[in-house]
């Protein structure tokens, strides 16, 4: 297979192998830790999971990526990146051990969330550093290939880590502390693996003139504002981002609902609930995969706005039909559909932003995109607190989400017609 052959070429590069090993160990630990956090909040027998608790967990897992991400690069351009991997993963190993202790002790929930928040906040620096260091271990000709394969391998490692965490939790009689300690061990291994890389190899280069830190941070903030202003001038990209934000909000609300259904409505114990959640996540992941196969053809056939409208319209029709029975089999089908339409819409939105936004502003606009993407998901979880009953069966949530999907579909169809009309008018001129 071409991918296997290309990966073999990269793996002959010794320092790339070492940097990849740091990534795989670090992201597999992330998968373990995130599953431990989620299962503690939702599936621990000693806890009564609520939408509020789920919303808090999602905020801990996602908000650091959005709020810290745009500013992480300022510090990474000042700190030796090898040391970021070393000390960042050592710090996370210590914090994960602290989380394990907190899981065993009768402590307030806010203390547990504070510990988890610190772990996920450090993760933003490690992941950004891995991307920044890649050009130092791969030549220019292979950089695109490395940028494709390395993050994909990391995502697979995180998924595998999550799967191992679920298996260990079942074998360890529901002990999340044991799972978290596994994550701590993987963070420690990642830190030790980073020592195989020369200290100065990964940069940044010494002797470069840097603006004072305060000035650099304020400049980053001003850059984000400039990106927002540029986006306001690029209506096509702005409309696509607005549509994607609403779709992400819908996906977040339904995710919380499915978590509650798995925990209380469809199972009698935590182990069965975890198994059902795994099925739902697998169905959604299958939808993501199908979207990756369908989207290039669909965008070529219907246009980016047309595919966005089609994704939202399909969800508006199928989501209430499959969701309102609140039964397992139809809901698994709904999870597949929602994975497909959400990822399909994201692919169309990514393409719209890449083609509509000037290159000089593209990075800043994608930083804003990242903020909107994650904040919408967390906001949906927070608002679900007001509507979801303890067992997750909420007609209000299902119908509200269907209305939002319908609004997005109609609006994007309107924008598609306007774009076609404008294009025809320019062609005539």
Protein backbone atom coordinates (compact mmCIF):
# COMPACT_ATOMS: atom_id res chain seq x y z
CA UNK A 1 0.00 0.00 0.00
CA UNK A 2 1.30 3.50 -0.82
CA UNK A 3 0.71 4.82 2.71
CA UNK A 4 2.67 1.94 4.23
CA UNK A 5 5.50 2.45 1.73
CA UNK A 6 5.64 6.19 2.39
CA UNK A 7 5.65 5.66 6.13
CA UNK A 8 8.52 3.21 5.68
CA UNK A 9 10.54 5.94 3.95
CA UNK A 10 9.95 8.34 6.82
CA UNK A 11 10.73 5.75 9.46
CA UNK A 12 14.23 5.40 8.05
CA UNK A 13 14.88 8.89 9.41
CA UNK A 14 16.11 8.28 12.95
CA UNK A 15 15.08 11.58 14.53
CA UNK A 16 11.67 11.44 12.85
CA UNK A 17 11.16 8.01 14.45
CA UNK A 18 12.05 9.43 17.84
CA UNK A 19 9.78 12.45 17.49
CA UNK A 20 6.97 10.18 16.27
CA UNK A 21 7.48 7.95 19.31
CA UNK A 22 7.11 10.99 21.57
CA UNK A 23 3.85 11.85 19.78
CA UNK A 24 2.43 8.32 19.88
CA UNK A 25 3.15 7.85 23.58
CA UNK A 26 1.86 11.31 24.46
CA UNK A 27 -1.35 11.04 22.46
CA UNK A 28 -2.07 7.48 23.58
CA UNK A 29 -1.80 8.83 27.14
CA UNK A 30 -4.23 11.60 26.16
CA UNK A 31 -6.71 8.97 24.97
CA UNK A 32 -6.36 7.02 28.21
CA UNK A 33 -6.75 10.12 30.36
CA UNK A 34 -9.73 11.51 28.48
CA UNK A 35 -11.61 8.21 28.66
CA UNK A 36 -10.85 7.97 32.38
CA UNK A 37 -12.21 11.46 32.91
CA UNK A 38 -15.35 10.81 30.84
CA UNK A 39 -16.12 7.46 32.44
CA UNK A 40 -15.57 8.85 35.94
CA UNK A 41 -18.09 11.61 35.29
CA UNK A 42 -20.68 9.49 33.49
CA UNK A 43 -20.23 5.83 34.42
CA UNK A 44 -18.82 5.66 37.95
CA UNK A 45 -21.19 3.64 40.17
CA UNK A 46 -20.63 6.01 43.11
CA UNK A 47 -21.66 9.06 41.06
CA UNK A 48 -24.99 10.10 39.63
CA UNK A 49 -24.06 11.58 36.27
CA UNK A 50 -25.90 14.74 35.32
CA UNK A 51 -25.83 16.91 32.20
CA UNK A 52 -24.09 19.56 34.32
CA UNK A 53 -21.28 17.15 35.19
CA UNK A 54 -20.93 16.11 31.55
CA UNK A 55 -20.81 19.76 30.47
CA UNK A 56 -18.07 20.42 33.02
CA UNK A 57 -16.05 17.47 31.74
CA UNK A 58 -16.38 18.65 28.13
CA UNK A 59 -15.28 22.14 29.12
CA UNK A 60 -12.19 20.70 30.81
CA UNK A 61 -11.35 18.58 27.76
CA UNK A 62 -11.98 21.15 25.03
CA UNK A 63 -11.70 24.74 26.22
CA UNK A 64 -7.93 24.76 26.86
CA UNK A 65 -7.37 23.84 23.22
CA UNK A 66 -9.31 26.88 22.07
CA UNK A 67 -8.34 29.49 24.64
CA UNK A 68 -4.65 28.66 24.96
CA UNK A 69 -3.98 27.48 21.41
CA UNK A 70 -3.56 30.85 19.65
CA UNK A 71 -1.02 31.98 22.27
CA UNK A 72 0.95 28.74 22.64
CA UNK A 73 3.14 29.50 19.64
CA UNK A 74 4.43 32.71 21.22
CA UNK A 75 5.96 30.73 24.08
CA UNK A 76 7.06 27.79 21.91
CA UNK A 77 9.19 30.20 19.87
CA UNK A 78 11.07 31.05 23.07
CA UNK A 79 11.40 27.70 24.85
CA UNK A 80 13.57 24.77 23.67
CA UNK A 81 11.00 22.42 22.17
CA UNK A 82 12.73 19.26 23.34
CA UNK A 83 12.44 20.61 26.89
CA UNK A 84 8.74 21.35 26.33
CA UNK A 85 8.21 17.65 25.57
CA UNK A 86 10.35 16.59 28.52
CA UNK A 87 8.98 18.87 31.22
CA UNK A 88 5.47 19.04 29.78
CA UNK A 89 5.04 15.27 29.87
CA UNK A 90 6.75 14.97 33.27
CA UNK A 91 4.35 17.59 34.61
CA UNK A 92 1.38 15.75 33.14
CA UNK A 93 2.58 12.46 34.64
CA UNK A 94 2.69 14.10 38.09
CA UNK A 95 -0.68 15.77 37.59
CA UNK A 96 -2.21 12.50 36.38
CA UNK A 97 -0.95 10.76 39.51
CA UNK A 98 -2.55 13.55 41.53
CA UNK A 99 -5.80 12.97 39.64
CA UNK A 100 -5.64 9.26 40.52
CA UNK A 101 -5.30 10.17 44.21
CA UNK A 102 -8.23 12.56 43.94
CA UNK A 103 -10.33 9.80 42.38
CA UNK A 104 -9.76 7.64 45.45
CA UNK A 105 -10.27 10.39 48.02
CA UNK A 106 -13.52 12.11 49.01
CA UNK A 107 -12.61 15.52 47.62
CA UNK A 108 -14.80 18.28 46.11
CA UNK A 109 -15.49 17.91 42.40
CA UNK A 110 -13.89 21.29 41.61
CA UNK A 111 -10.51 20.00 42.82
CA UNK A 112 -10.74 17.00 40.49
CA UNK A 113 -11.69 19.22 37.56
CA UNK A 114 -8.86 21.65 38.34
CA UNK A 115 -6.35 18.81 38.16
CA UNK A 116 -7.81 17.54 34.88
CA UNK A 117 -7.85 21.06 33.45
CA UNK A 118 -4.13 21.45 34.12
CA UNK A 119 -3.37 18.20 32.30
CA UNK A 120 -5.33 19.16 29.19
CA UNK A 121 -3.93 22.72 29.21
CA UNK A 122 -0.34 21.44 29.07
CA UNK A 123 -1.38 19.18 26.20
CA UNK A 124 -1.92 22.22 23.95
CA UNK A 125 1.76 23.14 24.25
CA UNK A 126 2.97 19.60 23.59
CA UNK A 127 0.84 19.12 20.46
CA UNK A 128 1.76 22.54 19.06
CA UNK A 129 5.41 21.83 19.79
CA UNK A 130 5.27 18.51 17.95
CA UNK A 131 3.98 20.27 14.83
CA UNK A 132 6.54 23.07 15.13
CA UNK A 133 9.41 20.60 15.54
CA UNK A 134 8.54 18.41 12.55
CA UNK A 135 10.47 20.48 9.94
CA UNK A 136 13.61 19.98 12.05
CA UNK A 137 13.61 16.20 11.58
CA UNK A 138 12.24 15.89 8.01
CA UNK A 139 13.57 17.45 4.82
CA UNK A 140 11.40 19.80 2.77
CA UNK A 141 10.53 17.21 0.13
CA UNK A 142 9.02 14.87 2.71
CA UNK A 143 7.42 17.51 4.93
CA UNK A 144 3.94 17.33 3.38
CA UNK A 145 3.98 13.55 3.73
CA UNK A 146 5.12 13.83 7.35
CA UNK A 147 2.40 16.39 8.08
CA UNK A 148 -0.19 13.96 6.74
CA UNK A 149 1.02 10.80 8.44
CA UNK A 150 2.25 12.03 11.81
CA UNK A 151 -1.00 13.63 13.10
CA UNK A 152 -3.01 10.70 11.70
CA UNK A 153 -0.81 8.27 13.59
CA UNK A 154 -1.26 10.37 16.72
CA UNK A 155 -5.05 10.29 16.36
CA UNK A 156 -4.98 6.52 15.95
CA UNK A 157 -2.77 6.27 19.05
CA UNK A 158 -5.27 8.35 21.04
CA UNK A 159 -8.10 6.13 19.84
CA UNK A 160 -6.17 3.00 20.74
CA UNK A 161 -5.34 4.45 24.15
CA UNK A 162 -9.02 5.13 24.76
CA UNK A 163 -9.89 1.56 23.79
CA UNK A 164 -7.25 0.14 26.13
CA UNK A 165 -8.55 2.40 28.90
CA UNK A 166 -12.09 1.06 28.48
CA UNK A 167 -10.83 -2.53 28.55
CA UNK A 168 -8.71 -1.95 31.66
CA UNK A 169 -11.56 -0.21 33.44
CA UNK A 170 -13.79 -3.23 32.85
CA UNK A 171 -11.06 -5.63 33.99
CA UNK A 172 -10.11 -3.50 36.99
CA UNK A 173 -13.66 -3.63 38.36
CA UNK A 174 -14.47 -0.05 37.42
CA UNK A 175 -11.35 1.61 38.86
CA UNK A 176 -10.70 4.87 37.05
CA UNK A 177 -7.65 5.46 39.24
CA UNK A 178 -5.90 2.46 37.68
CA UNK A 179 -6.69 3.82 34.21
CA UNK A 180 -5.33 7.27 35.08
CA UNK A 181 -2.12 5.71 36.41
CA UNK A 182 -1.68 3.99 33.05
CA UNK A 183 -1.96 7.41 31.43
CA UNK A 184 0.64 8.77 33.85
CA UNK A 185 3.02 5.93 32.93
CA UNK A 186 2.61 6.71 29.23
CA UNK A 187 3.28 10.41 29.84
CA UNK A 188 6.44 9.43 31.70
CA UNK A 189 7.56 7.18 28.83
CA UNK A 190 6.95 10.03 26.39
CA UNK A 191 9.09 12.35 28.50
CA UNK A 192 11.93 9.81 28.67
CA UNK A 193 11.69 9.16 24.92
CA UNK A 194 12.17 12.88 24.25
CA UNK A 195 15.61 12.59 25.85
CA UNK A 196 16.74 10.50 22.87
CA UNK A 197 16.54 13.69 20.77
CA UNK A 198 19.40 16.21 20.94
CA UNK A 199 18.45 19.19 23.10
CA UNK A 200 19.00 21.82 20.40
CA UNK A 201 17.82 19.81 17.37
CA UNK A 202 14.15 20.79 17.52
CA UNK A 203 14.72 24.53 17.88
CA UNK A 204 13.91 27.30 18.13
CA UNK A 205 17.16 28.76 16.83
CA UNK A 206 19.06 30.75 19.40
CA UNK A 207 20.06 34.31 18.70
CA UNK A 208 16.79 35.25 17.00
CA UNK A 209 15.35 38.61 17.93
CA UNK A 210 12.07 38.21 19.75
CA UNK A 211 9.69 40.92 20.72
CA UNK A 212 9.12 41.21 24.49
CA UNK A 213 6.69 38.56 25.72
CA UNK A 214 3.95 41.02 26.66
CA UNK A 215 4.20 42.67 23.27
CA UNK A 216 4.15 39.29 21.50
CA UNK A 217 1.03 38.18 23.39
CA UNK A 218 -0.79 41.44 22.72
CA UNK A 219 0.25 41.21 19.07
CA UNK A 220 -1.29 37.74 18.88
CA UNK A 221 -4.54 39.08 20.32
CA UNK A 222 -4.53 41.93 17.80
CA UNK A 223 -3.87 39.41 15.04
CA UNK A 224 -6.97 37.43 16.01
CA UNK A 225 -9.04 40.62 15.88
CA UNK A 226 -7.57 41.39 12.46
CA UNK A 227 -8.48 37.87 11.35
CA UNK A 228 -12.04 38.43 12.52
CA UNK A 229 -12.26 41.67 10.54
CA UNK A 230 -10.88 39.98 7.45
CA UNK A 231 -13.42 37.20 7.87
CA UNK A 232 -16.20 39.79 7.97
CA UNK A 233 -15.05 40.90 4.51
CA UNK A 234 -15.09 37.33 3.18
CA UNK A 235 -18.80 36.61 3.41
CA UNK A 236 -18.64 33.13 1.88
CA UNK A 237 -16.17 31.90 4.50
CA UNK A 238 -18.03 33.69 7.30
CA UNK A 239 -21.36 32.09 6.37
CA UNK A 240 -19.77 28.64 6.16
CA UNK A 241 -18.16 29.11 9.58
CA UNK A 242 -21.46 30.27 11.07
CA UNK A 243 -23.23 27.21 9.65
CA UNK A 244 -20.53 24.86 10.95
CA UNK A 245 -20.73 26.43 14.40
CA UNK A 246 -24.48 25.74 14.56
CA UNK A 247 -23.98 22.15 13.34
CA UNK A 248 -21.28 21.60 15.96
CA UNK A 249 -23.67 22.96 18.60
CA UNK A 250 -26.30 20.44 17.50
CA UNK A 251 -23.78 17.61 17.60
CA UNK A 252 -22.74 18.59 21.13
CA UNK A 253 -26.32 18.63 22.43
CA UNK A 254 -27.04 15.21 20.95
CA UNK A 255 -23.76 13.81 22.30
CA UNK A 256 -24.78 14.69 25.86
CA UNK A 257 -28.21 13.16 25.26
CA UNK A 258 -26.69 9.89 24.02
CA UNK A 259 -24.34 9.77 27.03
CA UNK A 260 -27.31 10.04 29.38
CA UNK A 261 -29.28 7.43 27.42
CA UNK A 262 -26.36 4.97 27.57
CA UNK A 263 -25.95 5.59 31.28
CA UNK A 264 -29.55 5.38 32.44
CA UNK A 265 -32.08 4.47 29.74
CA UNK A 266 -30.53 1.58 27.85
CA UNK A 267 -28.50 -0.23 30.51
CA UNK A 268 -28.80 -1.44 34.07
CA UNK A 269 -25.15 -1.12 35.06
CA UNK A 270 -22.08 0.90 34.19
CA UNK A 271 -20.31 -1.83 32.20
CA UNK A 272 -23.25 -2.26 29.84
CA UNK A 273 -23.50 1.51 29.49
CA UNK A 274 -19.85 1.75 28.51
CA UNK A 275 -20.33 -0.96 25.91
CA UNK A 276 -23.32 0.87 24.41
CA UNK A 277 -21.40 4.15 24.36
CA UNK A 278 -18.59 2.39 22.49
CA UNK A 279 -21.12 1.23 19.88
CA UNK A 280 -22.47 4.77 19.48
CA UNK A 281 -19.00 6.25 19.12
CA UNK A 282 -18.11 3.53 16.62
CA UNK A 283 -21.21 4.30 14.55
CA UNK A 284 -20.36 8.00 14.56
CA UNK A 285 -16.76 7.25 13.58
CA UNK A 286 -18.03 5.14 10.67
CA UNK A 287 -20.04 8.15 9.56
CA UNK A 288 -16.88 10.28 9.67
CA UNK A 289 -15.12 7.76 7.45
CA UNK A 290 -17.95 7.68 4.91
CA UNK A 291 -18.00 11.48 4.87
CA UNK A 292 -14.32 11.50 3.94
CA UNK A 293 -15.12 9.26 0.97
CA UNK A 294 -18.29 11.08 -0.14
CA UNK A 295 -17.36 14.73 0.36
CA UNK A 296 -14.93 15.21 -2.55
CA UNK A 297 -17.57 13.93 -4.99
CA UNK A 298 -20.44 15.78 -3.28
CA UNK A 299 -18.61 19.12 -3.17
CA UNK A 300 -17.70 18.72 -6.84
CA UNK A 301 -21.30 17.89 -7.73
CA UNK A 302 -23.26 20.32 -5.54
CA UNK A 303 -20.69 22.92 -4.52
CA UNK A 304 -19.53 23.67 -1.00
CA UNK A 305 -22.73 25.49 -0.01
CA UNK A 306 -24.84 22.80 -1.65
CA UNK A 307 -23.11 20.02 0.28
CA UNK A 308 -23.44 21.99 3.53
CA UNK A 309 -27.15 22.46 2.85
CA UNK A 310 -27.55 18.77 1.99
CA UNK A 311 -25.80 17.65 5.17
CA UNK A 312 -27.93 19.91 7.35
CA UNK A 313 -31.12 18.95 5.50
CA UNK A 314 -30.44 15.22 5.85
CA UNK A 315 -29.88 15.68 9.58
CA UNK A 316 -33.07 17.75 9.91
CA UNK A 317 -35.12 14.92 8.39
CA UNK A 318 -33.41 11.85 9.83
CA UNK A 319 -32.47 13.04 13.31
CA UNK A 320 -36.04 13.31 14.68
CA UNK A 321 -37.20 10.21 12.78
CA UNK A 322 -34.42 8.11 14.29
CA UNK A 323 -34.07 9.91 17.61
CA UNK A 324 -37.61 10.36 18.91
CA UNK A 325 -38.19 6.64 19.61
CA UNK A 326 -35.21 6.87 22.03
CA UNK A 327 -34.40 3.25 21.17
CA UNK A 328 -30.91 1.86 20.80
CA UNK A 329 -30.93 0.61 17.19
CA UNK A 330 -32.44 3.76 15.62
CA UNK A 331 -30.15 5.92 17.73
CA UNK A 332 -27.08 4.04 16.48
CA UNK A 333 -28.27 4.76 12.95
CA UNK A 334 -28.70 8.41 13.97
CA UNK A 335 -25.14 8.45 15.35
CA UNK A 336 -23.87 7.25 11.98
CA UNK A 337 -25.88 9.90 10.12
CA UNK A 338 -24.74 12.68 12.45
CA UNK A 339 -21.11 11.63 12.14
CA UNK A 340 -21.45 11.69 8.35
CA UNK A 341 -23.19 15.06 8.09
CA UNK A 342 -21.04 16.78 10.71
CA UNK A 343 -17.78 15.68 9.15
CA UNK A 344 -19.08 16.29 5.63
CA UNK A 345 -20.02 19.85 6.59
CA UNK A 346 -16.64 20.38 8.22
CA UNK A 347 -14.80 19.25 5.09
CA UNK A 348 -16.85 21.71 3.02
CA UNK A 349 -16.23 24.49 5.56
CA UNK A 350 -12.49 23.81 5.69
CA UNK A 351 -12.33 24.02 1.90
CA UNK A 352 -14.35 27.23 1.82
CA UNK A 353 -12.08 28.90 4.37
CA UNK A 354 -8.93 27.71 2.61
CA UNK A 355 -10.08 29.06 -0.75
CA UNK A 356 -11.88 32.26 0.33
CA UNK A 357 -9.48 33.66 2.93
CA UNK A 358 -6.23 35.39 1.97
CA UNK A 359 -3.15 33.36 2.83
CA UNK A 360 -1.84 36.12 5.11
CA UNK A 361 -4.92 35.72 7.34
CA UNK A 362 -5.56 32.01 6.99
CA UNK A 363 -3.78 30.91 10.15
CA UNK A 364 -5.60 33.46 12.28
CA UNK A 365 -8.96 32.57 10.78
CA UNK A 366 -8.35 28.88 11.46
CA UNK A 367 -7.48 29.78 15.07
CA UNK A 368 -10.87 31.51 15.32
CA UNK A 369 -12.42 28.46 13.65
CA UNK A 370 -10.91 26.25 16.34
CA UNK A 371 -12.32 28.48 19.08
CA UNK A 372 -15.82 28.47 17.55
CA UNK A 373 -15.71 24.72 16.92
CA UNK A 374 -14.95 23.77 20.52
CA UNK A 375 -16.86 26.54 22.30
CA UNK A 376 -20.03 25.61 20.37
CA UNK A 377 -19.69 22.01 21.55
CA UNK A 378 -19.22 23.04 25.19
CA UNK A 379 -22.04 25.60 24.99
CA UNK A 380 -24.39 22.90 23.72
CA UNK A 381 -23.49 20.70 26.64
CA UNK A 382 -24.04 23.58 29.06
CA UNK A 383 -27.47 24.47 27.62
CA UNK A 384 -28.48 20.80 27.63
CA UNK A 385 -28.45 21.06 31.41
CA UNK A 386 -31.67 23.07 31.16
CA UNK A 387 -33.54 20.60 28.95
CA UNK A 388 -32.34 17.05 29.57
CA UNK A 389 -34.09 14.86 32.16
CA UNK A 390 -32.01 12.37 34.16
CA UNK A 391 -32.53 9.51 31.68
CA UNK A 392 -31.71 11.65 28.61
CA UNK A 393 -35.10 11.31 26.88
CA UNK A 394 -35.85 14.86 25.76
CA UNK A 395 -38.26 15.56 22.91
CA UNK A 396 -37.41 19.26 23.29
CA UNK A 397 -33.73 18.69 22.55
CA UNK A 398 -34.43 16.46 19.54
CA UNK A 399 -36.92 18.86 17.98
CA UNK A 400 -34.88 21.98 18.75
CA UNK A 401 -31.84 20.46 17.09
CA UNK A 402 -33.96 19.46 14.07
CA UNK A 403 -35.17 23.05 13.73
CA UNK A 404 -31.58 24.35 13.87
CA UNK A 405 -30.53 21.88 11.19
CA UNK A 406 -33.46 23.03 9.04
CA UNK A 407 -32.55 26.69 9.45
CA UNK A 408 -28.95 26.02 8.41
CA UNK A 409 -30.08 24.00 5.38
CA UNK A 410 -32.50 26.68 4.15
CA UNK A 411 -29.99 29.47 4.73
CA UNK A 412 -27.18 27.68 2.91
CA UNK A 413 -29.47 26.88 -0.03
CA UNK A 414 -30.32 30.59 -0.20
CA UNK A 415 -26.64 31.54 -0.13
CA UNK A 416 -25.95 28.98 -2.87
CA UNK A 417 -28.57 30.57 -5.11
CA UNK A 418 -27.14 34.04 -4.42
CA UNK A 419 -23.61 32.86 -5.21
CA UNK A 420 -24.74 31.26 -8.48
CA UNK A 421 -26.62 34.42 -9.46
CA UNK A 422 -23.59 36.61 -8.71
CA UNK A 423 -21.33 34.29 -10.67
CA UNK A 424 -23.65 34.41 -13.68
CA UNK A 425 -23.85 38.21 -13.48
CA UNK A 426 -20.04 38.48 -13.45
CA UNK A 427 -19.80 36.09 -16.38
CA UNK A 428 -22.20 38.21 -18.45
CA UNK A 429 -20.23 41.36 -17.65
